[in-house]
Amino acid sequence: MTKPEPWYIHTILYVIIIILVAVLVKVAIIDPKDVVEKEKYYKKESHLRMKNIKEAEILWNKKHGHFTGNLDSLINFVKTDPMVDSVVNAFDSLSRRPANPLVPLTSGQFTPDSLYRTPKSNQSYVLQVDTSVAADTIFGRNNQIKRIDSTTVIGSRYYLNDPDGYGSVGSLESDALKNTASWE
């Protein structure tokens, strides 16, 4: 006859099985769900911040006649300019709804300092403006070049990019994509 195994060996094996099942559930179900939820948050938050940068660029363009490629100047403009303050606090005369173009973030409120960096990696957003040079040649009587006039236009288009890969706004090459977000 064989001797029966002691009860504590079976108990230890059951405990090990329960621990391994718990680890498997955590690794296979709970952790991927958390990663997906965080990724959704980062994407939504970044889109909201980029939309606010786009709206700030539109306000800058209305005031100055061109866009800016300097994120510091743009955020300072949003913080301190009376024109921005009047637009943010305005109401639609027909519907009596707020006319604020700056949307609240996922935390529930808009803060200008949040526009500096991406929510995921905390890197700065990439903001660029175009520079175009138009040359005009003036000819004299004998078809000789009298002078060449050139006009430099800075900031007729802008491009905003999220370094984490959640999209972009605008284009440096095309007027058709001005103020257009890649996710809309």
Protein backbone atom coordinates (compact mmCIF):
# COMPACT_ATOMS: atom_id res chain seq x y z
CA MET A 1 0.00 0.00 0.00
CA THR A 2 1.06 3.51 -0.72
CA LYS A 3 1.19 6.07 1.97
CA PRO A 4 -1.29 9.00 1.51
CA GLU A 5 0.16 12.44 0.89
CA PRO A 6 0.03 14.88 3.78
CA TRP A 7 -2.84 17.41 3.74
CA TYR A 8 -0.55 20.46 3.76
CA ILE A 9 0.93 19.60 0.33
CA HIS A 10 -2.55 19.77 -1.23
CA THR A 11 -3.25 23.02 0.61
CA ILE A 12 0.00 24.59 -0.65
CA LEU A 13 -0.77 23.49 -4.21
CA TYR A 14 -4.29 24.98 -4.03
CA VAL A 15 -2.90 28.27 -2.72
CA ILE A 16 -0.32 28.37 -5.55
CA ILE A 17 -3.07 27.70 -8.12
CA ILE A 18 -5.25 30.48 -6.69
CA ILE A 19 -2.31 32.94 -6.75
CA LEU A 20 -1.44 32.02 -10.35
CA VAL A 21 -5.07 32.46 -11.44
CA ALA A 22 -5.18 35.89 -9.76
CA VAL A 23 -1.93 36.93 -11.49
CA LEU A 24 -3.25 35.67 -14.82
CA VAL A 25 -6.50 37.62 -14.46
CA LYS A 26 -4.58 40.79 -13.56
CA VAL A 27 -2.13 40.46 -16.44
CA ALA A 28 -4.64 39.31 -19.07
CA ILE A 29 -7.73 41.35 -18.19
CA ILE A 30 -7.21 44.18 -15.71
CA ASP A 31 -3.88 45.67 -16.90
CA PRO A 32 -4.82 45.87 -20.62
CA LYS A 33 -8.11 47.53 -19.68
CA ASP A 34 -6.22 50.19 -17.67
CA VAL A 35 -3.84 50.77 -20.57
CA VAL A 36 -6.74 51.23 -23.00
CA GLU A 37 -8.50 53.65 -20.61
CA LYS A 38 -5.32 55.71 -20.16
CA GLU A 39 -4.78 55.79 -23.92
CA LYS A 40 -8.36 57.02 -24.44
CA TYR A 41 -7.82 59.73 -21.83
CA TYR A 42 -4.52 60.89 -23.38
CA LYS A 43 -6.07 61.02 -26.84
CA LYS A 44 -9.18 62.93 -25.73
CA GLU A 45 -7.19 65.35 -23.55
CA SER A 46 -4.67 66.02 -26.32
CA HIS A 47 -7.46 66.69 -28.84
CA LEU A 48 -9.08 69.16 -26.43
CA ARG A 49 -5.78 70.97 -25.85
CA MET A 50 -5.05 71.11 -29.59
CA LYS A 51 -8.56 72.44 -30.26
CA ASN A 52 -7.91 75.21 -27.73
CA ILE A 53 -4.57 76.03 -29.37
CA LYS A 54 -6.39 76.18 -32.72
CA GLU A 55 -9.00 78.55 -31.29
CA ALA A 56 -6.25 80.69 -29.75
CA GLU A 57 -4.51 80.84 -33.16
CA ILE A 58 -7.78 81.98 -34.76
CA LEU A 59 -8.14 84.74 -32.15
CA TRP A 60 -4.47 85.74 -32.65
CA ASN A 61 -5.07 85.91 -36.41
CA LYS A 62 -8.15 88.11 -35.94
CA LYS A 63 -6.16 90.56 -33.84
CA HIS A 64 -2.76 90.56 -35.59
CA GLY A 65 -3.61 89.54 -39.18
CA HIS A 66 -1.31 86.49 -39.14
CA PHE A 67 -0.70 83.33 -37.14
CA THR A 68 2.12 82.83 -34.65
CA GLY A 69 4.58 79.98 -34.34
CA ASN A 70 5.50 80.85 -30.77
CA LEU A 71 3.53 78.85 -28.21
CA ASP A 72 4.70 81.07 -25.34
CA SER A 73 3.39 84.22 -27.06
CA LEU A 74 0.12 82.50 -27.91
CA ILE A 75 -0.52 81.33 -24.34
CA ASN A 76 0.46 84.72 -22.94
CA PHE A 77 -2.00 86.27 -25.42
CA VAL A 78 -4.78 83.99 -24.12
CA LYS A 79 -3.93 84.86 -20.52
CA THR A 80 -3.61 88.64 -20.80
CA ASP A 81 -5.26 90.08 -23.91
CA PRO A 82 -8.53 91.98 -23.32
CA MET A 83 -9.87 90.87 -26.72
CA VAL A 84 -9.60 87.21 -25.70
CA ASP A 85 -11.24 88.00 -22.38
CA SER A 86 -14.16 89.71 -24.13
CA VAL A 87 -14.64 86.77 -26.54
CA VAL A 88 -14.41 84.20 -23.72
CA ASN A 89 -17.00 86.05 -21.62
CA ALA A 90 -19.37 86.86 -24.51
CA PHE A 91 -22.83 85.36 -25.04
CA ASP A 92 -24.62 84.47 -28.26
CA SER A 93 -27.34 87.11 -28.65
CA LEU A 94 -29.93 84.67 -30.06
CA SER A 95 -29.51 81.60 -27.89
CA ARG A 96 -28.01 83.32 -24.82
CA ARG A 97 -25.39 80.57 -24.67
CA PRO A 98 -21.76 81.33 -23.89
CA ALA A 99 -19.75 82.10 -27.05
CA ASN A 100 -16.47 80.93 -25.52
CA PRO A 101 -14.47 79.13 -28.24
CA LEU A 102 -12.09 77.60 -25.68
CA VAL A 103 -13.45 74.25 -24.52
CA PRO A 104 -13.04 72.83 -21.01
CA LEU A 105 -10.54 70.01 -20.60
CA THR A 106 -11.42 66.61 -19.18
CA SER A 107 -10.75 67.99 -15.70
CA GLY A 108 -13.74 70.29 -16.26
CA GLN A 109 -12.05 73.65 -16.69
CA PHE A 110 -9.75 75.37 -19.16
CA THR A 111 -6.33 76.52 -18.01
CA PRO A 112 -4.02 78.29 -20.47
CA ASP A 113 -0.89 76.69 -18.99
CA SER A 114 -2.20 73.27 -20.01
CA LEU A 115 -1.58 74.20 -23.66
CA TYR A 116 2.21 74.04 -23.29
CA ARG A 117 2.60 70.28 -23.09
CA THR A 118 1.03 67.01 -24.18
CA PRO A 119 -0.74 65.00 -21.47
CA LYS A 120 1.00 61.69 -22.19
CA SER A 121 4.72 62.42 -22.51
CA ASN A 122 4.72 66.02 -21.24
CA GLN A 123 6.52 67.17 -24.41
CA SER A 124 5.82 70.53 -26.00
CA TYR A 125 3.40 70.68 -28.90
CA VAL A 126 5.08 71.45 -32.22
CA LEU A 127 3.77 74.76 -33.60
CA GLN A 128 5.06 76.15 -36.90
CA VAL A 129 4.05 78.95 -39.27
CA ASP A 130 4.75 79.29 -42.95
CA THR A 131 6.98 81.87 -44.56
CA SER A 132 6.45 82.73 -48.20
CA VAL A 133 8.43 85.10 -50.39
CA ALA A 134 6.86 86.64 -53.50
CA ALA A 135 9.27 88.24 -55.95
CA ASP A 136 8.23 90.82 -58.54
CA THR A 137 10.65 91.89 -61.26
CA ILE A 138 10.38 95.43 -62.66
CA PHE A 139 11.70 95.85 -66.22
CA GLY A 140 12.87 99.09 -67.85
CA ARG A 141 12.43 100.32 -71.46
CA ASN A 142 15.05 98.10 -73.06
CA ASN A 143 13.84 94.98 -71.28
CA GLN A 144 16.54 95.45 -68.67
CA ILE A 145 15.83 94.63 -65.07
CA LYS A 146 15.26 97.81 -63.16
CA ARG A 147 14.73 96.24 -59.74
CA ILE A 148 13.35 93.20 -58.01
CA ASP A 149 10.75 93.73 -55.32
CA SER A 150 10.16 90.95 -52.86
CA THR A 151 7.46 90.59 -50.28
CA THR A 152 7.81 88.24 -47.33
CA VAL A 153 4.61 86.99 -45.74
CA ILE A 154 4.94 85.22 -42.40
CA GLY A 155 2.12 83.38 -40.74
CA SER A 156 -0.62 82.97 -43.32
CA ARG A 157 -0.83 79.26 -42.37
CA TYR A 158 0.18 77.26 -39.29
CA TYR A 159 0.76 73.63 -38.38
CA LEU A 160 0.26 72.14 -34.92
CA ASN A 161 1.43 68.61 -34.21
CA ASP A 162 1.21 66.33 -31.19
CA PRO A 163 4.58 64.56 -30.71
CA ASP A 164 2.73 61.61 -29.12
CA GLY A 165 0.98 60.91 -32.42
CA TYR A 166 -2.59 61.94 -31.55
CA GLY A 167 -3.04 64.17 -34.57
CA SER A 168 -2.36 67.57 -36.07
CA VAL A 169 -4.12 70.81 -36.96
CA GLY A 170 -3.60 72.89 -40.09
CA SER A 171 -1.01 72.67 -42.84
CA LEU A 172 1.95 74.75 -43.98
CA GLU A 173 1.30 73.90 -47.63
CA SER A 174 -2.46 74.09 -48.16
CA ASP A 175 -4.99 76.83 -47.44
CA ALA A 176 -7.72 74.19 -47.73
CA LEU A 177 -6.45 72.55 -44.51
CA LYS A 178 -6.20 75.79 -42.52
CA ASN A 179 -7.68 75.25 -39.04
CA THR A 180 -8.58 71.64 -39.91
CA ALA A 181 -7.90 68.95 -37.32
CA SER A 182 -6.76 65.54 -38.57
CA TRP A 183 -9.22 63.69 -36.31
CA GLU A 184 -12.35 65.60 -37.38
